[in-house]
PDB file of N, CA and C in Angstrom:
ATOM      1  N   MET A   1      20.381 -23.766  -0.081  1.00  0.00           N
ATOM      2  CA  MET A   1      19.701 -23.042   1.270  1.00  0.00           C
ATOM      3  C   MET A   1      18.431 -21.985   0.635  1.00  0.00           C
ATOM      4  N   VAL A   2      18.857 -21.590  -1.142  1.00  0.00           N
ATOM      5  CA  VAL A   2      18.258 -20.754  -1.991  1.00  0.00           C
ATOM      6  C   VAL A   2      17.285 -21.387  -1.950  1.00  0.00           C
ATOM      7  N   LYS A   3      17.269 -23.046  -2.060  1.00  0.00           N
ATOM      8  CA  LYS A   3      15.483 -23.659  -3.029  1.00  0.00           C
ATOM      9  C   LYS A   3      14.693 -24.203  -1.710  1.00  0.00           C
ATOM     10  N   SER A   4      15.627 -24.139  -0.887  1.00  0.00           N
ATOM     11  CA  SER A   4      14.501 -24.155   0.681  1.00  0.00           C
ATOM     12  C   SER A   4      13.596 -22.839   1.097  1.00  0.00           C
ATOM     13  N   LEU A   5      14.260 -21.997   0.064  1.00  0.00           N
ATOM     14  CA  LEU A   5      13.578 -20.591   0.370  1.00  0.00           C
ATOM     15  C   LEU A   5      12.426 -21.015  -0.698  1.00  0.00           C
ATOM     16  N   VAL A   6      13.013 -21.081  -1.819  1.00  0.00           N
ATOM     17  CA  VAL A   6      11.374 -21.125  -3.073  1.00  0.00           C
ATOM     18  C   VAL A   6      10.343 -21.088  -2.541  1.00  0.00           C
ATOM     19  N   SER A   7      10.085 -22.381  -1.920  1.00  0.00           N
ATOM     20  CA  SER A   7       8.844 -22.794  -1.450  1.00  0.00           C
ATOM     21  C   SER A   7       7.798 -21.560  -0.202  1.00  0.00           C
ATOM     22  N   HIS A   8       8.859 -20.650   0.115  1.00  0.00           N
ATOM     23  CA  HIS A   8       8.265 -19.743   0.962  1.00  0.00           C
ATOM     24  C   HIS A   8       8.091 -18.414   0.237  1.00  0.00           C
ATOM     25  N   ASN A   9       8.397 -18.694  -0.979  1.00  0.00           N
ATOM     26  CA  ASN A   9       8.684 -16.943  -1.757  1.00  0.00           C
ATOM     27  C   ASN A   9       7.014 -15.846  -1.627  1.00  0.00           C
ATOM     28  N   GLY A  10       6.079 -17.480  -1.213  1.00  0.00           N
ATOM     29  CA  GLY A  10       4.307 -16.919  -0.971  1.00  0.00           C
ATOM     30  C   GLY A  10       4.956 -16.256   0.176  1.00  0.00           C
ATOM     31  N   PHE A  11       5.191 -15.840   1.244  1.00  0.00           N
ATOM     32  CA  PHE A  11       5.425 -16.003   2.497  1.00  0.00           C
ATOM     33  C   PHE A  11       6.286 -15.068   2.688  1.00  0.00           C
ATOM     34  N   ILE A  12       7.016 -14.932   2.318  1.00  0.00           N
ATOM     35  CA  ILE A  12       8.328 -13.882   1.467  1.00  0.00           C
ATOM     36  C   ILE A  12       7.778 -12.209   1.216  1.00  0.00           C
ATOM     37  N   MET A  13       7.275 -12.370   0.347  1.00  0.00           N
ATOM     38  CA  MET A  13       6.439 -11.454  -0.676  1.00  0.00           C
ATOM     39  C   MET A  13       5.447 -10.689   0.710  1.00  0.00           C
ATOM     40  N   ARG A  14       4.799 -11.593   1.147  1.00  0.00           N
ATOM     41  CA  ARG A  14       3.430 -10.840   1.828  1.00  0.00           C
ATOM     42  C   ARG A  14       3.913 -10.422   3.359  1.00  0.00           C
ATOM     43  N   VAL A  15       4.916 -10.925   4.157  1.00  0.00           N
ATOM     44  CA  VAL A  15       5.626 -10.319   4.914  1.00  0.00           C
ATOM     45  C   VAL A  15       6.260  -8.669   4.352  1.00  0.00           C
ATOM     46  N   PHE A  16       7.424  -8.407   3.658  1.00  0.00           N
ATOM     47  CA  PHE A  16       7.552  -7.708   3.372  1.00  0.00           C
ATOM     48  C   PHE A  16       6.497  -6.357   2.577  1.00  0.00           C
ATOM     49  N   LEU A  17       5.659  -6.943   2.199  1.00  0.00           N
ATOM     50  CA  LEU A  17       4.480  -6.319   1.867  1.00  0.00           C
ATOM     51  C   LEU A  17       4.104  -5.812   2.252  1.00  0.00           C
ATOM     52  N   ALA A  18       3.456  -6.130   3.658  1.00  0.00           N
ATOM     53  CA  ALA A  18       3.046  -6.404   4.870  1.00  0.00           C
ATOM     54  C   ALA A  18       4.063  -4.864   5.162  1.00  0.00           C
ATOM     55  N   PHE A  19       5.161  -5.401   5.858  1.00  0.00           N
ATOM     56  CA  PHE A  19       5.778  -4.581   6.237  1.00  0.00           C
ATOM     57  C   PHE A  19       6.106  -3.143   5.802  1.00  0.00           C
ATOM     58  N   VAL A  20       5.940  -2.951   4.790  1.00  0.00           N
ATOM     59  CA  VAL A  20       5.574  -1.269   4.100  1.00  0.00           C
ATOM     60  C   VAL A  20       4.278  -1.195   4.708  1.00  0.00           C
ATOM     61  N   PHE A  21       3.978  -1.698   4.761  1.00  0.00           N
ATOM     62  CA  PHE A  21       2.268  -1.268   4.709  1.00  0.00           C
ATOM     63  C   PHE A  21       1.622  -0.781   5.870  1.00  0.00           C
ATOM     64  N   ILE A  22       1.963  -2.069   6.921  1.00  0.00           N
ATOM     65  CA  ILE A  22       2.545  -1.161   8.403  1.00  0.00           C
ATOM     66  C   ILE A  22       2.629   0.196   8.849  1.00  0.00           C
ATOM     67  N   TRP A  23       4.428   0.220   8.121  1.00  0.00           N
ATOM     68  CA  TRP A  23       4.746   0.764   8.600  1.00  0.00           C
ATOM     69  C   TRP A  23       4.060   2.341   8.016  1.00  0.00           C
ATOM     70  N   PHE A  24       4.221   2.404   7.098  1.00  0.00           N
ATOM     71  CA  PHE A  24       3.575   3.964   6.905  1.00  0.00           C
ATOM     72  C   PHE A  24       1.720   4.078   7.492  1.00  0.00           C
ATOM     73  N   GLY A  25       1.311   2.961   7.238  1.00  0.00           N
ATOM     74  CA  GLY A  25       0.064   2.799   8.171  1.00  0.00           C
ATOM     75  C   GLY A  25       0.355   3.779   9.553  1.00  0.00           C
ATOM     76  N   ILE A  26       0.872   2.892  10.170  1.00  0.00           N
ATOM     77  CA  ILE A  26       1.165   3.454  11.432  1.00  0.00           C
ATOM     78  C   ILE A  26       1.586   4.854  11.755  1.00  0.00           C
ATOM     79  N   SER A  27       2.176   4.970  10.897  1.00  0.00           N
ATOM     80  CA  SER A  27       3.021   6.940  10.615  1.00  0.00           C
ATOM     81  C   SER A  27       1.711   7.192  10.437  1.00  0.00           C
ATOM     82  N   GLU A  28       1.004   6.902   9.007  1.00  0.00           N
ATOM     83  CA  GLU A  28      -0.552   7.918   8.437  1.00  0.00           C
ATOM     84  C   GLU A  28      -1.053   8.382   9.963  1.00  0.00           C
ATOM     85  N   ILE A  29      -1.614   6.947  10.769  1.00  0.00           N
ATOM     86  CA  ILE A  29      -2.495   7.267  11.944  1.00  0.00           C
ATOM     87  C   ILE A  29      -1.719   7.558  12.930  1.00  0.00           C
ATOM     88  N   ASN A  30       0.059   8.080  12.931  1.00  0.00           N
ATOM     89  CA  ASN A  30       0.298   8.309  14.426  1.00  0.00           C
ATOM     90  C   ASN A  30       0.852  10.405  13.763  1.00  0.00           C
ATOM     91  N   ASN A  31       1.023  10.334  12.890  1.00  0.00           N
ATOM     92  CA  ASN A  31       1.115  11.521  12.554  1.00  0.00           C
ATOM     93  C   ASN A  31       0.737  11.961  11.000  1.00  0.00           C
ATOM     94  N   PRO A  32      -0.728  12.490  11.160  1.00  0.00           N
ATOM     95  CA  PRO A  32      -1.828  12.052   9.728  1.00  0.00           C
ATOM     96  C   PRO A  32      -1.031  13.598   8.935  1.00  0.00           C
ATOM     97  N   ASP A  33      -0.126  14.954   9.556  1.00  0.00           N
ATOM     98  CA  ASP A  33      -0.013  16.160   9.404  1.00  0.00           C
ATOM     99  C   ASP A  33       0.970  15.777   8.047  1.00  0.00           C
ATOM    100  N   ASN A  34       1.950  14.706   8.376  1.00  0.00           N
ATOM    101  CA  ASN A  34       3.070  14.378   7.681  1.00  0.00           C
ATOM    102  C   ASN A  34       2.734  14.358   6.421  1.00  0.00           C
ATOM    103  N   PHE A  35       1.279  13.408   6.159  1.00  0.00           N
ATOM    104  CA  PHE A  35       0.782  12.916   5.095  1.00  0.00           C
ATOM    105  C   PHE A  35       0.185  13.741   4.094  1.00  0.00           C
ATOM    106  N   SER A  36      -0.807  14.999   4.660  1.00  0.00           N
ATOM    107  CA  SER A  36      -1.947  15.788   4.536  1.00  0.00           C
ATOM    108  C   SER A  36      -1.746  16.185   3.268  1.00  0.00           C
ATOM    109  N   GLY A  37      -0.221  16.868   3.348  1.00  0.00           N
ATOM    110  CA  GLY A  37       0.234  17.169   1.578  1.00  0.00           C
ATOM    111  C   GLY A  37       0.242  16.428   0.189  1.00  0.00           C
ATOM    112  N   TYR A  38      -0.017  15.062   0.764  1.00  0.00           N
ATOM    113  CA  TYR A  38      -0.360  14.290  -0.487  1.00  0.00           C
ATOM    114  C   TYR A  38      -1.389  13.899  -0.946  1.00  0.00           C
ATOM    115  N   ILE A  39      -2.534  14.522  -0.236  1.00  0.00           N
ATOM    116  CA  ILE A  39      -3.821  14.329  -0.550  1.00  0.00           C
ATOM    117  C   ILE A  39      -4.116  15.832  -1.687  1.00  0.00           C
ATOM    118  N   PRO A  40      -4.929  14.733  -2.857  1.00  0.00           N
ATOM    119  CA  PRO A  40      -4.912  16.037  -4.084  1.00  0.00           C
ATOM    120  C   PRO A  40      -5.269  17.401  -3.646  1.00  0.00           C
ATOM    121  N   SER A  41      -5.601  18.390  -4.085  1.00  0.00           N
ATOM    122  CA  SER A  41      -6.298  19.987  -4.119  1.00  0.00           C
ATOM    123  C   SER A  41      -7.793  19.319  -4.092  1.00  0.00           C
ATOM    124  N   SER A  42      -8.125  18.659  -4.930  1.00  0.00           N
ATOM    125  CA  SER A  42      -9.880  18.876  -4.710  1.00  0.00           C
ATOM    126  C   SER A  42     -10.289  17.794  -3.943  1.00  0.00           C
ATOM    127  N   PHE A  43      -9.696  17.018  -2.936  1.00  0.00           N
ATOM    128  CA  PHE A  43      -9.954  16.393  -1.844  1.00  0.00           C
ATOM    129  C   PHE A  43     -10.945  17.812  -0.828  1.00  0.00           C
ATOM    130  N   SER A  44      -9.400  18.610  -0.760  1.00  0.00           N
ATOM    131  CA  SER A  44      -9.823  19.673   0.523  1.00  0.00           C
ATOM    132  C   SER A  44     -10.823  20.394   0.363  1.00  0.00           C
ATOM    133  N   ASN A  45     -10.828  20.714  -1.194  1.00  0.00           N
ATOM    134  CA  ASN A  45     -11.788  21.797  -1.532  1.00  0.00           C
ATOM    135  C   ASN A  45     -13.358  20.952  -1.450  1.00  0.00           C
ATOM    136  N   LEU A  46     -13.536  19.858  -0.740  1.00  0.00           N
ATOM    137  CA  LEU A  46     -14.718  19.505  -0.818  1.00  0.00           C
ATOM    138  C   LEU A  46     -15.300  19.101   0.685  1.00  0.00           C
ATOM    139  N   GLY A  47     -14.048  20.296   1.280  1.00  0.00           N
ATOM    140  CA  GLY A  47     -14.297  20.112   2.657  1.00  0.00           C
ATOM    141  C   GLY A  47     -13.922  19.529   3.913  1.00  0.00           C
ATOM    142  N   LEU A  48     -13.472  17.951   3.388  1.00  0.00           N
ATOM    143  CA  LEU A  48     -13.301  16.996   3.932  1.00  0.00           C
ATOM    144  C   LEU A  48     -12.110  16.931   4.792  1.00  0.00           C
ATOM    145  N   ASP A  49     -11.939  16.657   6.222  1.00  0.00           N
ATOM    146  CA  ASP A  49     -11.216  16.572   7.148  1.00  0.00           C
ATOM    147  C   ASP A  49     -10.202  16.140   6.712  1.00  0.00           C
ATOM    148  N   GLU A  50      -8.493  16.979   5.655  1.00  0.00           N
ATOM    149  CA  GLU A  50      -7.749  15.846   5.612  1.00  0.00           C
ATOM    150  C   GLU A  50      -6.417  14.901   6.671  1.00  0.00           C
ATOM    151  N   ASN A  51      -6.472  15.179   7.718  1.00  0.00           N
ATOM    152  CA  ASN A  51      -5.861  14.185   8.555  1.00  0.00           C
ATOM    153  C   ASN A  51      -6.707  13.166   9.093  1.00  0.00           C
ATOM    154  N   LEU A  52      -7.683  13.332   8.709  1.00  0.00           N
ATOM    155  CA  LEU A  52      -9.246  11.920   9.290  1.00  0.00           C
ATOM    156  C   LEU A  52      -8.977  11.099   8.036  1.00  0.00           C
ATOM    157  N   LEU A  53      -9.303  12.211   6.791  1.00  0.00           N
ATOM    158  CA  LEU A  53      -8.804  10.938   5.967  1.00  0.00           C
ATOM    159  C   LEU A  53      -7.091  10.308   5.709  1.00  0.00           C
ATOM    160  N   VAL A  54      -6.542  11.147   6.034  1.00  0.00           N
ATOM    161  CA  VAL A  54      -5.108  10.310   6.129  1.00  0.00           C
ATOM    162  C   VAL A  54      -5.132   8.910   7.060  1.00  0.00           C
ATOM    163  N   GLN A  55      -5.616   9.659   8.452  1.00  0.00           N
ATOM    164  CA  GLN A  55      -5.751   8.710   9.601  1.00  0.00           C
ATOM    165  C   GLN A  55      -6.963   6.732   9.462  1.00  0.00           C
ATOM    166  N   ILE A  56      -7.882   7.373   8.306  1.00  0.00           N
ATOM    167  CA  ILE A  56      -8.268   6.700   7.541  1.00  0.00           C
ATOM    168  C   ILE A  56      -7.674   5.326   7.240  1.00  0.00           C
ATOM    169  N   HIS A  57      -6.906   6.034   6.076  1.00  0.00           N
ATOM    170  CA  HIS A  57      -6.400   5.041   5.743  1.00  0.00           C
ATOM    171  C   HIS A  57      -5.177   4.476   5.867  1.00  0.00           C
ATOM    172  N   GLY A  58      -4.723   5.184   6.926  1.00  0.00           N
ATOM    173  CA  GLY A  58      -3.148   4.278   7.211  1.00  0.00           C
ATOM    174  C   GLY A  58      -4.286   3.049   8.381  1.00  0.00           C
ATOM    175  N   GLY A  59      -5.307   3.028   8.962  1.00  0.00           N
ATOM    176  CA  GLY A  59      -6.479   2.119   9.548  1.00  0.00           C
ATOM    177  C   GLY A  59      -6.007   1.289   8.003  1.00  0.00           C
ATOM    178  N   VAL A  60      -6.645   1.264   7.107  1.00  0.00           N
ATOM    179  CA  VAL A  60      -6.444   0.473   5.802  1.00  0.00           C
ATOM    180  C   VAL A  60      -5.400  -0.720   5.466  1.00  0.00           C
ATOM    181  N   LEU A  61      -4.442   0.677   6.027  1.00  0.00           N
ATOM    182  CA  LEU A  61      -3.207  -0.240   5.786  1.00  0.00           C
ATOM    183  C   LEU A  61      -2.681  -1.038   6.760  1.00  0.00           C
ATOM    184  N   VAL A  62      -2.567  -0.431   8.130  1.00  0.00           N
ATOM    185  CA  VAL A  62      -2.810  -1.955   8.854  1.00  0.00           C
ATOM    186  C   VAL A  62      -3.900  -2.703   8.781  1.00  0.00           C
ATOM    187  N   LEU A  63      -4.800  -2.915   8.732  1.00  0.00           N
ATOM    188  CA  LEU A  63      -5.630  -4.441   8.688  1.00  0.00           C
ATOM    189  C   LEU A  63      -5.423  -4.853   7.063  1.00  0.00           C
ATOM    190  N   LEU A  64      -4.732  -3.954   6.169  1.00  0.00           N
ATOM    191  CA  LEU A  64      -4.404  -4.752   5.158  1.00  0.00           C
ATOM    192  C   LEU A  64      -2.990  -6.070   5.513  1.00  0.00           C
ATOM    193  N   SER A  65      -2.143  -5.134   5.667  1.00  0.00           N
ATOM    194  CA  SER A  65      -1.043  -5.800   6.337  1.00  0.00           C
ATOM    195  C   SER A  65      -1.268  -6.978   7.296  1.00  0.00           C
ATOM    196  N   PHE A  66      -2.442  -7.302   8.407  1.00  0.00           N
ATOM    197  CA  PHE A  66      -2.590  -8.008   8.971  1.00  0.00           C
ATOM    198  C   PHE A  66      -2.931  -9.192   8.562  1.00  0.00           C
ATOM    199  N   CYS A  67      -3.887  -9.149   7.478  1.00  0.00           N
ATOM    200  CA  CYS A  67      -4.848  -9.689   6.677  1.00  0.00           C
ATOM    201  C   CYS A  67      -3.740 -10.387   5.512  1.00  0.00           C
ATOM    202  N   LEU A  68      -2.713  -9.640   5.403  1.00  0.00           N
ATOM    203  CA  LEU A  68      -1.124 -10.260   3.889  1.00  0.00           C
ATOM    204  C   LEU A  68      -0.337 -11.241   5.379  1.00  0.00           C
ATOM    205  N   ILE A  69      -0.083 -10.929   6.259  1.00  0.00           N
ATOM    206  CA  ILE A  69       0.354 -12.224   7.142  1.00  0.00           C
ATOM    207  C   ILE A  69      -0.355 -12.699   6.602  1.00  0.00           C
ATOM    208  N   PHE A  70      -1.555 -12.437   7.865  1.00  0.00           N
ATOM    209  CA  PHE A  70      -1.836 -14.177   8.040  1.00  0.00           C
ATOM    210  C   PHE A  70      -2.894 -14.974   6.981  1.00  0.00           C
ATOM    211  N   LYS A  71      -2.672 -14.620   5.780  1.00  0.00           N
ATOM    212  CA  LYS A  71      -3.071 -15.241   4.570  1.00  0.00           C
ATOM    213  C   LYS A  71      -5.139 -14.945   4.637  1.00  0.00           C
ATOM    214  N   PHE A  72      -5.255 -14.222   5.234  1.00  0.00           N
ATOM    215  CA  PHE A  72      -7.367 -13.923   5.991  1.00  0.00           C
ATOM    216  C   PHE A  72      -7.574 -13.158   4.471  1.00  0.00           C
ATOM    217  N   TYR A  73      -8.185 -14.655   2.878  1.00  0.00           N
ATOM    218  CA  TYR A  73      -8.899 -13.724   2.095  1.00  0.00           C
ATOM    219  C   TYR A  73      -7.411 -13.454   1.076  1.00  0.00           C
ATOM    220  N   LEU A  74      -6.865 -14.348   0.837  1.00  0.00           N
ATOM    221  CA  LEU A  74      -5.370 -13.722   0.163  1.00  0.00           C
ATOM    222  C   LEU A  74      -5.935 -13.340  -0.757  1.00  0.00           C
ATOM    223  N   SER A  75      -6.786 -13.963  -1.717  1.00  0.00           N
ATOM    224  CA  SER A  75      -7.042 -13.605  -3.641  1.00  0.00           C
ATOM    225  C   SER A  75      -7.398 -12.015  -3.044  1.00  0.00           C
ATOM    226  N   VAL A  76      -8.676 -11.400  -2.295  1.00  0.00           N
ATOM    227  CA  VAL A  76      -9.141 -10.009  -2.168  1.00  0.00           C
ATOM    228  C   VAL A  76      -8.077  -8.972  -1.438  1.00  0.00           C
ATOM    229  N   THR A  77      -7.790  -9.744  -0.435  1.00  0.00           N
ATOM    230  CA  THR A  77      -6.620  -8.769   0.402  1.00  0.00           C
ATOM    231  C   THR A  77      -5.479  -8.624  -0.505  1.00  0.00           C
ATOM    232  N   GLY A  78      -4.828  -9.266  -1.555  1.00  0.00           N
ATOM    233  CA  GLY A  78      -4.024  -9.405  -2.436  1.00  0.00           C
ATOM    234  C   GLY A  78      -4.119  -7.963  -3.429  1.00  0.00           C
ATOM    235  N   LEU A  79      -5.304  -8.332  -4.466  1.00  0.00           N
ATOM    236  CA  LEU A  79      -5.950  -7.246  -5.035  1.00  0.00           C
ATOM    237  C   LEU A  79      -6.265  -5.837  -4.292  1.00  0.00           C
ATOM    238  N   LEU A  80      -6.414  -5.836  -3.401  1.00  0.00           N
ATOM    239  CA  LEU A  80      -7.033  -5.247  -2.345  1.00  0.00           C
ATOM    240  C   LEU A  80      -5.393  -3.882  -2.688  1.00  0.00           C
ATOM    241  N   ALA A  81      -4.477  -5.012  -2.107  1.00  0.00           N
ATOM    242  CA  ALA A  81      -3.064  -4.245  -2.392  1.00  0.00           C
ATOM    243  C   ALA A  81      -3.204  -3.781  -3.360  1.00  0.00           C
ATOM    244  N   VAL A  82      -2.795  -4.403  -4.585  1.00  0.00           N
ATOM    245  CA  VAL A  82      -2.028  -3.864  -5.741  1.00  0.00           C
ATOM    246  C   VAL A  82      -3.077  -2.441  -5.715  1.00  0.00           C
ATOM    247  N   LEU A  83      -4.789  -2.500  -5.438  1.00  0.00           N
ATOM    248  CA  LEU A  83      -5.828  -0.759  -6.004  1.00  0.00           C
ATOM    249  C   LEU A  83      -5.460   0.303  -4.854  1.00  0.00           C
ATOM    250  N   ILE A  84      -5.006  -0.151  -3.597  1.00  0.00           N
ATOM    251  CA  ILE A  84      -4.544   0.591  -2.982  1.00  0.00           C
ATOM    252  C   ILE A  84      -2.544   1.436  -3.687  1.00  0.00           C
ATOM    253  N   MET A  85      -2.615   0.347  -3.999  1.00  0.00           N
ATOM    254  CA  MET A  85      -0.819   1.576  -4.388  1.00  0.00           C
ATOM    255  C   MET A  85      -0.766   1.702  -5.806  1.00  0.00           C
ATOM    256  N   ILE A  86      -2.448   1.457  -6.814  1.00  0.00           N
ATOM    257  CA  ILE A  86      -2.527   1.778  -7.993  1.00  0.00           C
ATOM    258  C   ILE A  86      -2.885   3.065  -7.057  1.00  0.00           C
ATOM    259  N   GLN A  87      -4.032   3.551  -6.452  1.00  0.00           N
ATOM    260  CA  GLN A  87      -4.089   4.676  -5.899  1.00  0.00           C
ATOM    261  C   GLN A  87      -3.195   5.622  -4.829  1.00  0.00           C
ATOM    262  N   ILE A  88      -2.784   4.714  -4.573  1.00  0.00           N
ATOM    263  CA  ILE A  88      -1.081   5.824  -3.703  1.00  0.00           C
ATOM    264  C   ILE A  88      -0.268   6.377  -5.067  1.00  0.00           C
ATOM    265  N   ILE A  89      -0.159   5.805  -6.387  1.00  0.00           N
ATOM    266  CA  ILE A  89       0.742   6.381  -6.907  1.00  0.00           C
ATOM    267  C   ILE A  89      -0.207   7.342  -8.096  1.00  0.00           C
ATOM    268  N   PHE A  90      -0.837   7.233  -8.623  1.00  0.00           N
ATOM    269  CA  PHE A  90      -2.213   7.959  -8.758  1.00  0.00           C
ATOM    270  C   PHE A  90      -2.469   8.931  -7.882  1.00  0.00           C
ATOM    271  N   GLY A  91      -2.594   8.992  -6.449  1.00  0.00           N
ATOM    272  CA  GLY A  91      -2.185  10.365  -6.055  1.00  0.00           C
ATOM    273  C   GLY A  91      -0.644  11.103  -6.012  1.00  0.00           C
ATOM    274  N   LEU A  92      -0.082  10.796  -5.543  1.00  0.00           N
ATOM    275  CA  LEU A  92       0.888  10.999  -5.535  1.00  0.00           C
ATOM    276  C   LEU A  92       1.250  11.852  -7.020  1.00  0.00           C
ATOM    277  N   MET A  93       0.717  10.872  -8.207  1.00  0.00           N
ATOM    278  CA  MET A  93       0.932  11.364  -9.058  1.00  0.00           C
ATOM    279  C   MET A  93       0.017  13.002  -9.857  1.00  0.00           C
ATOM    280  N   LEU A  94      -1.099  13.052  -9.371  1.00  0.00           N
ATOM    281  CA  LEU A  94      -2.060  14.029  -9.063  1.00  0.00           C
ATOM    282  C   LEU A  94      -0.961  15.331  -8.452  1.00  0.00           C
ATOM    283  N   VAL A  95      -0.732  15.273  -7.243  1.00  0.00           N
ATOM    284  CA  VAL A  95       0.125  16.464  -6.401  1.00  0.00           C
ATOM    285  C   VAL A  95       1.536  16.683  -6.887  1.00  0.00           C
ATOM    286  N   ASN A  96       1.806  15.990  -8.412  1.00  0.00           N
ATOM    287  CA  ASN A  96       3.739  16.291  -8.962  1.00  0.00           C
ATOM    288  C   ASN A  96       3.141  16.851 -10.005  1.00  0.00           C
ATOM    289  N   ASN A  97       1.899  16.666 -10.556  1.00  0.00           N
ATOM    290  CA  ASN A  97       1.444  17.378 -12.118  1.00  0.00           C
ATOM    291  C   ASN A  97       2.224  15.530 -13.147  1.00  0.00           C
ATOM    292  N   PHE A  98       1.536  15.362 -12.694  1.00  0.00           N
ATOM    293  CA  PHE A  98       2.396  13.892 -13.238  1.00  0.00           C
ATOM    294  C   PHE A  98       3.269  13.883 -13.955  1.00  0.00           C
ATOM    295  N   GLN A  99       4.157  14.110 -13.315  1.00  0.00           N
ATOM    296  CA  GLN A  99       5.949  14.241 -13.030  1.00  0.00           C
ATOM    297  C   GLN A  99       5.998  12.812 -11.945  1.00  0.00           C
ATOM    298  N   ILE A 100       7.093  12.133 -13.011  1.00  0.00           N
ATOM    299  CA  ILE A 100       7.399  10.812 -12.180  1.00  0.00           C
ATOM    300  C   ILE A 100       8.958  11.128 -10.587  1.00  0.00           C
ATOM    301  N   ASP A 101       8.806  10.836  -9.620  1.00  0.00           N
ATOM    302  CA  ASP A 101       9.956  10.972  -9.375  1.00  0.00           C
ATOM    303  C   ASP A 101      10.730   9.889  -8.200  1.00  0.00           C
ATOM    304  N   ASP A 102      10.974  10.028  -7.338  1.00  0.00           N
ATOM    305  CA  ASP A 102      12.189   8.613  -6.695  1.00  0.00           C
ATOM    306  C   ASP A 102      11.024   7.661  -5.538  1.00  0.00           C
ATOM    307  N   ILE A 103       9.666   8.805  -4.961  1.00  0.00           N
ATOM    308  CA  ILE A 103       9.106   8.092  -4.088  1.00  0.00           C
ATOM    309  C   ILE A 103       7.729   7.515  -5.447  1.00  0.00           C
ATOM    310  N   ILE A 104       7.529   8.233  -6.441  1.00  0.00           N
ATOM    311  CA  ILE A 104       6.555   7.177  -7.097  1.00  0.00           C
ATOM    312  C   ILE A 104       7.420   6.264  -8.445  1.00  0.00           C
ATOM    313  N   ALA A 105       8.476   6.108  -8.341  1.00  0.00           N
ATOM    314  CA  ALA A 105       9.342   5.046  -8.735  1.00  0.00           C
ATOM    315  C   ALA A 105       9.167   3.809  -7.729  1.00  0.00           C
ATOM    316  N   ARG A 106       9.600   3.855  -6.795  1.00  0.00           N
ATOM    317  CA  ARG A 106       9.769   2.988  -5.340  1.00  0.00           C
ATOM    318  C   ARG A 106       7.892   2.859  -5.323  1.00  0.00           C
ATOM    319  N   ASP A 107       6.904   3.665  -5.476  1.00  0.00           N
ATOM    320  CA  ASP A 107       5.804   2.732  -5.503  1.00  0.00           C
ATOM    321  C   ASP A 107       5.895   2.047  -6.415  1.00  0.00           C
ATOM    322  N   ILE A 108       5.808   2.135  -7.530  1.00  0.00           N
ATOM    323  CA  ILE A 108       5.655   1.420  -8.897  1.00  0.00           C
ATOM    324  C   ILE A 108       6.271   0.059  -8.785  1.00  0.00           C
ATOM    325  N   GLY A 109       7.291  -0.212  -7.651  1.00  0.00           N
ATOM    326  CA  GLY A 109       8.180  -1.301  -7.667  1.00  0.00           C
ATOM    327  C   GLY A 109       7.210  -1.940  -6.361  1.00  0.00           C
ATOM    328  N   ILE A 110       6.694  -1.252  -5.281  1.00  0.00           N
ATOM    329  CA  ILE A 110       5.807  -1.610  -4.251  1.00  0.00           C
ATOM    330  C   ILE A 110       4.745  -2.223  -5.277  1.00  0.00           C
ATOM    331  N   LEU A 111       4.352  -1.829  -6.246  1.00  0.00           N
ATOM    332  CA  LEU A 111       3.198  -1.851  -6.989  1.00  0.00           C
ATOM    333  C   LEU A 111       3.397  -3.391  -7.647  1.00  0.00           C
ATOM    334  N   GLY A 112       4.532  -3.465  -7.915  1.00  0.00           N
ATOM    335  CA  GLY A 112       4.874  -4.499  -8.963  1.00  0.00           C
ATOM    336  C   GLY A 112       4.723  -5.643  -7.367  1.00  0.00           C
ATOM    337  N   LEU A 113       5.493  -5.872  -6.532  1.00  0.00           N
ATOM    338  CA  LEU A 113       5.440  -6.562  -5.304  1.00  0.00           C
ATOM    339  C   LEU A 113       3.781  -7.064  -5.214  1.00  0.00           C
ATOM    340  N   ALA A 114       2.991  -6.146  -4.577  1.00  0.00           N
ATOM    341  CA  ALA A 114       1.582  -6.143  -4.499  1.00  0.00           C
ATOM    342  C   ALA A 114       0.923  -7.531  -6.015  1.00  0.00           C
ATOM    343  N   ILE A 115       1.637  -6.965  -6.652  1.00  0.00           N
ATOM    344  CA  ILE A 115       0.628  -7.515  -8.317  1.00  0.00           C
ATOM    345  C   ILE A 115       1.626  -9.337  -8.065  1.00  0.00           C
ATOM    346  N   GLY A 116       2.642  -9.407  -8.023  1.00  0.00           N
ATOM    347  CA  GLY A 116       3.477 -10.865  -7.416  1.00  0.00           C
ATOM    348  C   GLY A 116       2.139 -11.219  -6.206  1.00  0.00           C
ATOM    349  N   VAL A 117       2.185 -11.151  -4.979  1.00  0.00           N
ATOM    350  CA  VAL A 117       1.025 -11.186  -4.221  1.00  0.00           C
ATOM    351  C   VAL A 117       0.428 -11.932  -4.336  1.00  0.00           C
ATOM    352  N   TRP A 118      -0.578 -10.768  -4.897  1.00  0.00           N
ATOM    353  CA  TRP A 118      -1.853 -11.317  -5.778  1.00  0.00           C
ATOM    354  C   TRP A 118      -2.227 -12.421  -6.704  1.00  0.00           C
ATOM    355  N   LEU A 119      -1.000 -12.347  -8.102  1.00  0.00           N
ATOM    356  CA  LEU A 119      -1.062 -13.197  -8.909  1.00  0.00           C
ATOM    357  C   LEU A 119      -1.078 -14.679  -8.009  1.00  0.00           C
ATOM    358  N   ASN A 120       0.283 -14.735  -7.174  1.00  0.00           N
ATOM    359  CA  ASN A 120       0.624 -15.803  -6.383  1.00  0.00           C
ATOM    360  C   ASN A 120      -0.635 -16.640  -6.135  1.00  0.00           C
ATOM    361  N   ALA A 121      -1.690 -16.132  -5.020  1.00  0.00           N
ATOM    362  CA  ALA A 121      -2.659 -16.153  -4.123  1.00  0.00           C
ATOM    363  C   ALA A 121      -3.948 -16.212  -4.937  1.00  0.00           C
ATOM    364  N   LEU A 122      -3.996 -16.644  -6.707  1.00  0.00           N
ATOM    365  CA  LEU A 122      -4.834 -16.916  -7.422  1.00  0.00           C
ATOM    366  C   LEU A 122      -4.527 -18.084  -7.833  1.00  0.00           C
ATOM    367  N   ARG A 123      -3.105 -18.286  -8.030  1.00  0.00           N
ATOM    368  CA  ARG A 123      -2.463 -19.318  -8.398  1.00  0.00           C
ATOM    369  C   ARG A 123      -2.675 -20.648  -7.261  1.00  0.00           C
ATOM    370  N   ASN A 124      -3.025 -20.484  -5.818  1.00  0.00           N
ATOM    371  CA  ASN A 124      -2.959 -21.675  -5.186  1.00  0.00           C
ATOM    372  C   ASN A 124      -4.288 -21.759  -4.833  1.00  0.00           C
TER     373      ASN A 124
END
């Protein structure tokens, strides 16, 4: 049984990464107030609407989820997933004064999954 899953490892990685992105994307769209605290203060000082930024970010995550699931330009989509995870980690580190906490540690793991999806797409 495990050997049969090996041939589907790319699909499994894409679906689980897409699940994380779509979960947080929908949450960001529906409840931007819950996420606006993660925006570094430098963005707030620019006079940008934090809730709108969060909702746009959520929309990008949802779109990226569908691209992952349906293998739409997967090498580019995988790279975008990596870049978004780096952006999320860097943004969280700015908010946390560059201290790594459990959320950042989890996101580093998700970054590893995104790198795996991207590299797997480049191999095919």
